[in-house]
């Protein structure tokens, strides 16, 4: 399922990242790689606050839809 559909408080493992090479590279630089654990902290105005690799990152729903967990 896409990360955008995960509930607040869930911790998931990234299975696949879709999209163009530039998008996948950008997400990888933020720490979103296959096998990483990502925790949904909160959701504000269509953006998701995520905790990954000891840092917090905000992603919009379109980017979160590209990350499969």
C-alpha atoms as a PDB file:
ATOM      1  CA  UNK A   1       0.000   0.000   0.000  1.00  0.00           C
ATOM      2  CA  UNK A   2       1.180   3.596  -0.508  1.00  0.00           C
ATOM      3  CA  UNK A   3       2.679   5.372   2.501  1.00  0.00           C
ATOM      4  CA  UNK A   4       0.022   8.097   2.096  1.00  0.00           C
ATOM      5  CA  UNK A   5      -2.596   5.583   3.275  1.00  0.00           C
ATOM      6  CA  UNK A   6      -0.735   4.613   6.460  1.00  0.00           C
ATOM      7  CA  UNK A   7      -2.350   5.593   9.746  1.00  0.00           C
ATOM      8  CA  UNK A   8      -0.807   8.053  12.187  1.00  0.00           C
ATOM      9  CA  UNK A   9       1.421   6.171  14.607  1.00  0.00           C
ATOM     10  CA  UNK A  10       2.173   3.313  12.207  1.00  0.00           C
ATOM     11  CA  UNK A  11       5.723   2.128  11.592  1.00  0.00           C
ATOM     12  CA  UNK A  12       6.235   0.497   8.188  1.00  0.00           C
ATOM     13  CA  UNK A  13       9.075  -0.908   6.113  1.00  0.00           C
ATOM     14  CA  UNK A  14       9.598   0.561   2.651  1.00  0.00           C
ATOM     15  CA  UNK A  15       9.119  -2.120  -0.013  1.00  0.00           C
ATOM     16  CA  UNK A  16       9.357  -0.138  -3.264  1.00  0.00           C
ATOM     17  CA  UNK A  17       9.691   3.430  -4.533  1.00  0.00           C
ATOM     18  CA  UNK A  18       8.068   4.371  -7.835  1.00  0.00           C
ATOM     19  CA  UNK A  19       8.434   7.388 -10.096  1.00  0.00           C
ATOM     20  CA  UNK A  20      11.069   8.956 -12.303  1.00  0.00           C
ATOM     21  CA  UNK A  21      14.780   8.566 -11.568  1.00  0.00           C
ATOM     22  CA  UNK A  22      15.028  12.146 -10.286  1.00  0.00           C
ATOM     23  CA  UNK A  23      12.168  11.594  -7.838  1.00  0.00           C
ATOM     24  CA  UNK A  24      13.607   8.299  -6.570  1.00  0.00           C
ATOM     25  CA  UNK A  25      17.043   9.913  -6.178  1.00  0.00           C
ATOM     26  CA  UNK A  26      15.570  12.831  -4.206  1.00  0.00           C
ATOM     27  CA  UNK A  27      13.702  10.468  -1.869  1.00  0.00           C
ATOM     28  CA  UNK A  28      16.845   8.353  -1.417  1.00  0.00           C
ATOM     29  CA  UNK A  29      18.775  11.471  -0.386  1.00  0.00           C
ATOM     30  CA  UNK A  30      16.112  12.104   2.276  1.00  0.00           C
ATOM     31  CA  UNK A  31      16.575   8.539   3.575  1.00  0.00           C
ATOM     32  CA  UNK A  32      13.648   6.836   1.856  1.00  0.00           C
ATOM     33  CA  UNK A  33      15.287   3.632   0.608  1.00  0.00           C
ATOM     34  CA  UNK A  34      13.997   0.067   0.320  1.00  0.00           C
ATOM     35  CA  UNK A  35      14.167  -1.690   3.679  1.00  0.00           C
ATOM     36  CA  UNK A  36      14.143   1.489   5.790  1.00  0.00           C
ATOM     37  CA  UNK A  37      11.684   1.849   8.676  1.00  0.00           C
ATOM     38  CA  UNK A  38       9.406   4.894   8.420  1.00  0.00           C
ATOM     39  CA  UNK A  39       7.102   6.112  11.206  1.00  0.00           C
ATOM     40  CA  UNK A  40       4.068   8.322  10.511  1.00  0.00           C
ATOM     41  CA  UNK A  41       4.212  11.107  13.124  1.00  0.00           C
ATOM     42  CA  UNK A  42       1.302  13.294  11.996  1.00  0.00           C
ATOM     43  CA  UNK A  43      -0.629  14.706   9.073  1.00  0.00           C
ATOM     44  CA  UNK A  44      -1.103  18.444   8.572  1.00  0.00           C
ATOM     45  CA  UNK A  45      -2.973  20.047   5.686  1.00  0.00           C
ATOM     46  CA  UNK A  46      -2.298  17.254   3.209  1.00  0.00           C
ATOM     47  CA  UNK A  47       1.345  16.914   4.240  1.00  0.00           C
ATOM     48  CA  UNK A  48       2.737  13.989   6.216  1.00  0.00           C
ATOM     49  CA  UNK A  49       5.320  14.337   8.958  1.00  0.00           C
ATOM     50  CA  UNK A  50       7.468  11.213   8.904  1.00  0.00           C
ATOM     51  CA  UNK A  51      10.286   9.975  11.099  1.00  0.00           C
ATOM     52  CA  UNK A  52      13.007   8.104   9.236  1.00  0.00           C
ATOM     53  CA  UNK A  53      16.580   7.354  10.282  1.00  0.00           C
ATOM     54  CA  UNK A  54      16.485   9.617  13.376  1.00  0.00           C
ATOM     55  CA  UNK A  55      15.174  12.644  11.484  1.00  0.00           C
ATOM     56  CA  UNK A  56      11.767  14.110  10.688  1.00  0.00           C
ATOM     57  CA  UNK A  57      10.739  14.845   7.124  1.00  0.00           C
ATOM     58  CA  UNK A  58       7.585  16.450   5.709  1.00  0.00           C
ATOM     59  CA  UNK A  59       6.261  15.024   2.434  1.00  0.00           C
ATOM     60  CA  UNK A  60       3.173  15.970   0.477  1.00  0.00           C
ATOM     61  CA  UNK A  61       0.628  13.291  -0.402  1.00  0.00           C
ATOM     62  CA  UNK A  62       1.780  12.965  -4.041  1.00  0.00           C
ATOM     63  CA  UNK A  63       5.322  12.070  -2.928  1.00  0.00           C
ATOM     64  CA  UNK A  64       4.015   9.752  -0.206  1.00  0.00           C
ATOM     65  CA  UNK A  65       1.927   7.918  -2.836  1.00  0.00           C
ATOM     66  CA  UNK A  66       5.168   6.930  -4.607  1.00  0.00           C
ATOM     67  CA  UNK A  67       6.495   5.089  -1.546  1.00  0.00           C
ATOM     68  CA  UNK A  68       5.095   1.569  -1.155  1.00  0.00           C
ATOM     69  CA  UNK A  69       5.162  -0.031   2.293  1.00  0.00           C
END
